[in-house]
């Protein structure tokens, strides 16, 4: 599947890019597209939500592992 460099990314493409950035993997072409055409608000909100989900997941695992 070919990425169109001249088109703004869709909402779900921006969410996917944010999720991939949490894993530390992304294509250079995707990064360029996001920085050139992406909406920063979507990246910020998605990143905040993913960070909160990660924190809650870690807290949940710690509570399961440690004795009460």
PDB file of N, CA and C in Angstrom:
ATOM      1  N   UNK A   1       0.844  -1.168   0.000  1.00  0.00           N
ATOM      2  CA  UNK A   1       0.000   0.000   0.000  1.00  0.00           C
ATOM      3  C   UNK A   1       0.892   1.235   0.000  1.00  0.00           C
ATOM      4  N   UNK A   2       0.652   2.153  -0.928  1.00  0.00           N
ATOM      5  CA  UNK A   2       1.477   3.334  -1.089  1.00  0.00           C
ATOM      6  C   UNK A   2       0.914   4.494  -0.282  1.00  0.00           C
ATOM      7  N   UNK A   3       1.781   5.192   0.462  1.00  0.00           N
ATOM      8  CA  UNK A   3       1.379   6.368   1.213  1.00  0.00           C
ATOM      9  C   UNK A   3       1.423   7.571   0.272  1.00  0.00           C
ATOM     10  N   UNK A   4       0.353   8.364   0.274  1.00  0.00           N
ATOM     11  CA  UNK A   4       0.332   9.584  -0.522  1.00  0.00           C
ATOM     12  C   UNK A   4       1.001  10.695   0.266  1.00  0.00           C
ATOM     13  N   UNK A   5       2.148  11.179  -0.237  1.00  0.00           N
ATOM     14  CA  UNK A   5       2.902  12.191   0.487  1.00  0.00           C
ATOM     15  C   UNK A   5       2.228  13.550   0.471  1.00  0.00           C
ATOM     16  N   UNK A   6       1.400  13.840  -0.514  1.00  0.00           N
ATOM     17  CA  UNK A   6       0.801  15.149  -0.636  1.00  0.00           C
ATOM     18  C   UNK A   6      -0.519  15.304   0.081  1.00  0.00           C
ATOM     19  N   UNK A   7      -1.008  14.263   0.728  1.00  0.00           N
ATOM     20  CA  UNK A   7      -2.304  14.329   1.383  1.00  0.00           C
ATOM     21  C   UNK A   7      -2.153  14.361   2.892  1.00  0.00           C
ATOM     22  N   UNK A   8      -3.053  15.105   3.528  1.00  0.00           N
ATOM     23  CA  UNK A   8      -3.066  15.140   4.988  1.00  0.00           C
ATOM     24  C   UNK A   8      -3.497  13.774   5.514  1.00  0.00           C
ATOM     25  N   UNK A   9      -2.892  13.324   6.609  1.00  0.00           N
ATOM     26  CA  UNK A   9      -3.271  12.028   7.162  1.00  0.00           C
ATOM     27  C   UNK A   9      -4.667  12.080   7.772  1.00  0.00           C
ATOM     28  N   UNK A  10      -5.356  10.955   7.722  1.00  0.00           N
ATOM     29  CA  UNK A  10      -6.674  10.870   8.344  1.00  0.00           C
ATOM     30  C   UNK A  10      -6.508  10.793   9.861  1.00  0.00           C
ATOM     31  N   UNK A  11      -7.608  10.926  10.572  1.00  0.00           N
ATOM     32  CA  UNK A  11      -7.572  10.855  12.032  1.00  0.00           C
ATOM     33  C   UNK A  11      -6.959   9.543  12.492  1.00  0.00           C
ATOM     34  N   UNK A  12      -7.389   8.440  11.894  1.00  0.00           N
ATOM     35  CA  UNK A  12      -6.911   7.125  12.313  1.00  0.00           C
ATOM     36  C   UNK A  12      -5.448   6.909  11.939  1.00  0.00           C
ATOM     37  N   UNK A  13      -4.988   7.522  10.851  1.00  0.00           N
ATOM     38  CA  UNK A  13      -3.574   7.435  10.501  1.00  0.00           C
ATOM     39  C   UNK A  13      -2.731   8.181  11.536  1.00  0.00           C
ATOM     40  N   UNK A  14      -3.237   9.318  12.032  1.00  0.00           N
ATOM     41  CA  UNK A  14      -2.514  10.061  13.058  1.00  0.00           C
ATOM     42  C   UNK A  14      -2.487   9.283  14.373  1.00  0.00           C
ATOM     43  N   UNK A  15      -3.595   8.631  14.716  1.00  0.00           N
ATOM     44  CA  UNK A  15      -3.627   7.806  15.927  1.00  0.00           C
ATOM     45  C   UNK A  15      -2.645   6.646  15.781  1.00  0.00           C
ATOM     46  N   UNK A  16      -2.643   6.014  14.615  1.00  0.00           N
ATOM     47  CA  UNK A  16      -1.706   4.918  14.367  1.00  0.00           C
ATOM     48  C   UNK A  16      -0.258   5.370  14.439  1.00  0.00           C
ATOM     49  N   UNK A  17       0.032   6.542  13.916  1.00  0.00           N
ATOM     50  CA  UNK A  17       1.391   7.072  13.990  1.00  0.00           C
ATOM     51  C   UNK A  17       1.815   7.312  15.432  1.00  0.00           C
ATOM     52  N   UNK A  18       0.894   7.802  16.240  1.00  0.00           N
ATOM     53  CA  UNK A  18       1.197   8.039  17.648  1.00  0.00           C
ATOM     54  C   UNK A  18       1.458   6.721  18.366  1.00  0.00           C
ATOM     55  N   UNK A  19       0.661   5.711  18.064  1.00  0.00           N
ATOM     56  CA  UNK A  19       0.851   4.403  18.695  1.00  0.00           C
ATOM     57  C   UNK A  19       2.201   3.802  18.286  1.00  0.00           C
ATOM     58  N   UNK A  20       2.566   3.931  17.027  1.00  0.00           N
ATOM     59  CA  UNK A  20       3.858   3.419  16.573  1.00  0.00           C
ATOM     60  C   UNK A  20       5.010   4.174  17.220  1.00  0.00           C
ATOM     61  N   UNK A  21       4.828   5.464  17.465  1.00  0.00           N
ATOM     62  CA  UNK A  21       5.890   6.232  18.107  1.00  0.00           C
ATOM     63  C   UNK A  21       6.115   5.777  19.541  1.00  0.00           C
ATOM     64  N   UNK A  22       5.070   5.280  20.212  1.00  0.00           N
ATOM     65  CA  UNK A  22       5.227   4.735  21.555  1.00  0.00           C
ATOM     66  C   UNK A  22       6.102   3.490  21.525  1.00  0.00           C
ATOM     67  N   UNK A  23       6.047   2.748  20.434  1.00  0.00           N
ATOM     68  CA  UNK A  23       6.871   1.554  20.285  1.00  0.00           C
ATOM     69  C   UNK A  23       8.260   1.889  19.741  1.00  0.00           C
ATOM     70  N   UNK A  24       8.422   3.099  19.241  1.00  0.00           N
ATOM     71  CA  UNK A  24       9.710   3.525  18.712  1.00  0.00           C
ATOM     72  C   UNK A  24       9.963   3.091  17.288  1.00  0.00           C
ATOM     73  N   UNK A  25       8.909   2.745  16.569  1.00  0.00           N
ATOM     74  CA  UNK A  25       9.064   2.342  15.172  1.00  0.00           C
ATOM     75  C   UNK A  25       8.170   3.211  14.288  1.00  0.00           C
ATOM     76  N   UNK A  26       8.722   3.645  13.191  1.00  0.00           N
ATOM     77  CA  UNK A  26       7.955   4.414  12.223  1.00  0.00           C
ATOM     78  C   UNK A  26       8.802   4.592  10.970  1.00  0.00           C
ATOM     79  N   UNK A  27       8.139   4.868   9.875  1.00  0.00           N
ATOM     80  CA  UNK A  27       8.843   5.115   8.631  1.00  0.00           C
ATOM     81  C   UNK A  27       9.152   6.606   8.519  1.00  0.00           C
ATOM     82  N   UNK A  28      10.235   6.904   7.870  1.00  0.00           N
ATOM     83  CA  UNK A  28      10.618   8.305   7.671  1.00  0.00           C
ATOM     84  C   UNK A  28       9.561   9.048   6.867  1.00  0.00           C
ATOM     85  N   UNK A  29       8.984   8.397   5.871  1.00  0.00           N
ATOM     86  CA  UNK A  29       7.961   9.055   5.051  1.00  0.00           C
ATOM     87  C   UNK A  29       6.722   9.385   5.883  1.00  0.00           C
ATOM     88  N   UNK A  30       6.363   8.493   6.807  1.00  0.00           N
ATOM     89  CA  UNK A  30       5.215   8.730   7.679  1.00  0.00           C
ATOM     90  C   UNK A  30       5.500   9.889   8.630  1.00  0.00           C
ATOM     91  N   UNK A  31       6.710   9.946   9.175  1.00  0.00           N
ATOM     92  CA  UNK A  31       7.091  11.031  10.069  1.00  0.00           C
ATOM     93  C   UNK A  31       7.036  12.379   9.343  1.00  0.00           C
ATOM     94  N   UNK A  32       7.556  12.408   8.128  1.00  0.00           N
ATOM     95  CA  UNK A  32       7.517  13.664   7.340  1.00  0.00           C
ATOM     96  C   UNK A  32       6.083  14.091   7.074  1.00  0.00           C
ATOM     97  N   UNK A  33       5.245  13.141   6.674  1.00  0.00           N
ATOM     98  CA  UNK A  33       3.834  13.453   6.408  1.00  0.00           C
ATOM     99  C   UNK A  33       3.151  14.013   7.653  1.00  0.00           C
ATOM    100  N   UNK A  34       3.392  13.362   8.791  1.00  0.00           N
ATOM    101  CA  UNK A  34       2.758  13.795  10.033  1.00  0.00           C
ATOM    102  C   UNK A  34       3.188  15.203  10.428  1.00  0.00           C
ATOM    103  N   UNK A  35       4.482  15.498  10.310  1.00  0.00           N
ATOM    104  CA  UNK A  35       4.958  16.816  10.703  1.00  0.00           C
ATOM    105  C   UNK A  35       4.544  17.900   9.714  1.00  0.00           C
ATOM    106  N   UNK A  36       4.388  17.524   8.458  1.00  0.00           N
ATOM    107  CA  UNK A  36       4.031  18.524   7.451  1.00  0.00           C
ATOM    108  C   UNK A  36       2.527  18.788   7.396  1.00  0.00           C
ATOM    109  N   UNK A  37       1.704  17.744   7.495  1.00  0.00           N
ATOM    110  CA  UNK A  37       0.274  17.888   7.278  1.00  0.00           C
ATOM    111  C   UNK A  37      -0.596  17.536   8.486  1.00  0.00           C
ATOM    112  N   UNK A  38      -0.012  16.923   9.494  1.00  0.00           N
ATOM    113  CA  UNK A  38      -0.800  16.445  10.627  1.00  0.00           C
ATOM    114  C   UNK A  38      -1.273  17.565  11.545  1.00  0.00           C
ATOM    115  N   UNK A  39      -2.325  17.267  12.300  1.00  0.00           N
ATOM    116  CA  UNK A  39      -2.884  18.200  13.269  1.00  0.00           C
ATOM    117  C   UNK A  39      -2.225  17.936  14.621  1.00  0.00           C
ATOM    118  N   UNK A  40      -1.468  18.890  15.167  1.00  0.00           N
ATOM    119  CA  UNK A  40      -0.763  18.654  16.427  1.00  0.00           C
ATOM    120  C   UNK A  40      -1.696  18.318  17.592  1.00  0.00           C
ATOM    121  N   UNK A  41      -2.894  18.866  17.581  1.00  0.00           N
ATOM    122  CA  UNK A  41      -3.833  18.604  18.677  1.00  0.00           C
ATOM    123  C   UNK A  41      -4.172  17.125  18.775  1.00  0.00           C
ATOM    124  N   UNK A  42      -4.349  16.479  17.640  1.00  0.00           N
ATOM    125  CA  UNK A  42      -4.677  15.049  17.635  1.00  0.00           C
ATOM    126  C   UNK A  42      -3.509  14.245  18.199  1.00  0.00           C
ATOM    127  N   UNK A  43      -2.292  14.588  17.820  1.00  0.00           N
ATOM    128  CA  UNK A  43      -1.125  13.874  18.325  1.00  0.00           C
ATOM    129  C   UNK A  43      -0.970  14.072  19.832  1.00  0.00           C
ATOM    130  N   UNK A  44      -1.189  15.287  20.312  1.00  0.00           N
ATOM    131  CA  UNK A  44      -1.042  15.585  21.731  1.00  0.00           C
ATOM    132  C   UNK A  44      -2.086  14.833  22.549  1.00  0.00           C
ATOM    133  N   UNK A  45      -3.347  14.896  22.134  1.00  0.00           N
ATOM    134  CA  UNK A  45      -4.426  14.226  22.872  1.00  0.00           C
ATOM    135  C   UNK A  45      -4.238  12.713  22.833  1.00  0.00           C
ATOM    136  N   UNK A  46      -3.902  12.175  21.675  1.00  0.00           N
ATOM    137  CA  UNK A  46      -3.692  10.731  21.559  1.00  0.00           C
ATOM    138  C   UNK A  46      -2.513  10.285  22.416  1.00  0.00           C
ATOM    139  N   UNK A  47      -1.435  11.051  22.400  1.00  0.00           N
ATOM    140  CA  UNK A  47      -0.275  10.724  23.220  1.00  0.00           C
ATOM    141  C   UNK A  47      -0.607  10.754  24.702  1.00  0.00           C
ATOM    142  N   UNK A  48      -1.378  11.736  25.133  1.00  0.00           N
ATOM    143  CA  UNK A  48      -1.785  11.837  26.534  1.00  0.00           C
ATOM    144  C   UNK A  48      -2.629  10.629  26.941  1.00  0.00           C
ATOM    145  N   UNK A  49      -3.585  10.267  26.096  1.00  0.00           N
ATOM    146  CA  UNK A  49      -4.448   9.115  26.394  1.00  0.00           C
ATOM    147  C   UNK A  49      -3.626   7.824  26.446  1.00  0.00           C
ATOM    148  N   UNK A  50      -2.719   7.635  25.498  1.00  0.00           N
ATOM    149  CA  UNK A  50      -1.885   6.433  25.497  1.00  0.00           C
ATOM    150  C   UNK A  50      -0.978   6.384  26.724  1.00  0.00           C
ATOM    151  N   UNK A  51      -0.451   7.527  27.136  1.00  0.00           N
ATOM    152  CA  UNK A  51       0.394   7.566  28.337  1.00  0.00           C
ATOM    153  C   UNK A  51      -0.411   7.170  29.570  1.00  0.00           C
ATOM    154  N   UNK A  52      -1.636   7.680  29.686  1.00  0.00           N
ATOM    155  CA  UNK A  52      -2.481   7.315  30.817  1.00  0.00           C
ATOM    156  C   UNK A  52      -2.812   5.822  30.815  1.00  0.00           C
ATOM    157  N   UNK A  53      -3.135   5.288  29.649  1.00  0.00           N
ATOM    158  CA  UNK A  53      -3.420   3.854  29.547  1.00  0.00           C
ATOM    159  C   UNK A  53      -2.209   3.017  29.942  1.00  0.00           C
ATOM    160  N   UNK A  54      -1.033   3.453  29.548  1.00  0.00           N
ATOM    161  CA  UNK A  54       0.190   2.742  29.910  1.00  0.00           C
ATOM    162  C   UNK A  54       0.404   2.773  31.424  1.00  0.00           C
ATOM    163  N   UNK A  55       0.218   3.938  32.030  1.00  0.00           N
ATOM    164  CA  UNK A  55       0.382   4.064  33.480  1.00  0.00           C
ATOM    165  C   UNK A  55      -0.598   3.161  34.220  1.00  0.00           C
ATOM    166  N   UNK A  56      -1.862   3.173  33.807  1.00  0.00           N
ATOM    167  CA  UNK A  56      -2.863   2.324  34.457  1.00  0.00           C
ATOM    168  C   UNK A  56      -2.566   0.838  34.256  1.00  0.00           C
ATOM    169  N   UNK A  57      -2.037   0.476  33.093  1.00  0.00           N
ATOM    170  CA  UNK A  57      -1.681  -0.922  32.848  1.00  0.00           C
ATOM    171  C   UNK A  57      -0.536  -1.348  33.760  1.00  0.00           C
ATOM    172  N   UNK A  58       0.470  -0.497  33.920  1.00  0.00           N
ATOM    173  CA  UNK A  58       1.589  -0.819  34.806  1.00  0.00           C
ATOM    174  C   UNK A  58       1.102  -0.925  36.248  1.00  0.00           C
ATOM    175  N   UNK A  59       0.259   0.011  36.676  1.00  0.00           N
ATOM    176  CA  UNK A  59      -0.285  -0.044  38.035  1.00  0.00           C
ATOM    177  C   UNK A  59      -1.096  -1.326  38.253  1.00  0.00           C
ATOM    178  N   UNK A  60      -1.869  -1.728  37.265  1.00  0.00           N
ATOM    179  CA  UNK A  60      -2.648  -2.956  37.374  1.00  0.00           C
ATOM    180  C   UNK A  60      -1.774  -4.182  37.516  1.00  0.00           C
ATOM    181  N   UNK A  61      -0.705  -4.254  36.746  1.00  0.00           N
ATOM    182  CA  UNK A  61       0.214  -5.392  36.835  1.00  0.00           C
ATOM    183  C   UNK A  61       0.898  -5.400  38.198  1.00  0.00           C
ATOM    184  N   UNK A  62       1.333  -4.244  38.675  1.00  0.00           N
ATOM    185  CA  UNK A  62       2.000  -4.167  39.980  1.00  0.00           C
ATOM    186  C   UNK A  62       1.051  -4.616  41.091  1.00  0.00           C
ATOM    187  N   UNK A  63      -0.189  -4.198  41.021  1.00  0.00           N
ATOM    188  CA  UNK A  63      -1.155  -4.600  42.057  1.00  0.00           C
ATOM    189  C   UNK A  63      -1.433  -6.106  42.033  1.00  0.00           C
ATOM    190  N   UNK A  64      -1.397  -6.709  40.838  1.00  0.00           N
ATOM    191  CA  UNK A  64      -1.605  -8.155  40.754  1.00  0.00           C
ATOM    192  C   UNK A  64      -0.405  -8.917  41.292  1.00  0.00           C
ATOM    193  N   UNK A  65       0.785  -8.391  41.090  1.00  0.00           N
ATOM    194  CA  UNK A  65       2.007  -9.100  41.464  1.00  0.00           C
ATOM    195  C   UNK A  65       2.316  -8.955  42.952  1.00  0.00           C
ATOM    196  N   UNK A  66       2.161  -7.748  43.493  1.00  0.00           N
ATOM    197  CA  UNK A  66       2.473  -7.528  44.899  1.00  0.00           C
ATOM    198  C   UNK A  66       1.363  -8.062  45.794  1.00  0.00           C
ATOM    199  N   UNK A  67       1.746  -8.640  46.933  1.00  0.00           N
ATOM    200  CA  UNK A  67       0.710  -9.121  47.851  1.00  0.00           C
ATOM    201  C   UNK A  67      -0.044  -7.949  48.481  1.00  0.00           C
ATOM    202  N   UNK A  68      -1.293  -8.175  48.799  1.00  0.00           N
ATOM    203  CA  UNK A  68      -2.117  -7.120  49.376  1.00  0.00           C
ATOM    204  C   UNK A  68      -1.783  -6.863  50.818  1.00  0.00           C
TER     205      UNK A  68
END
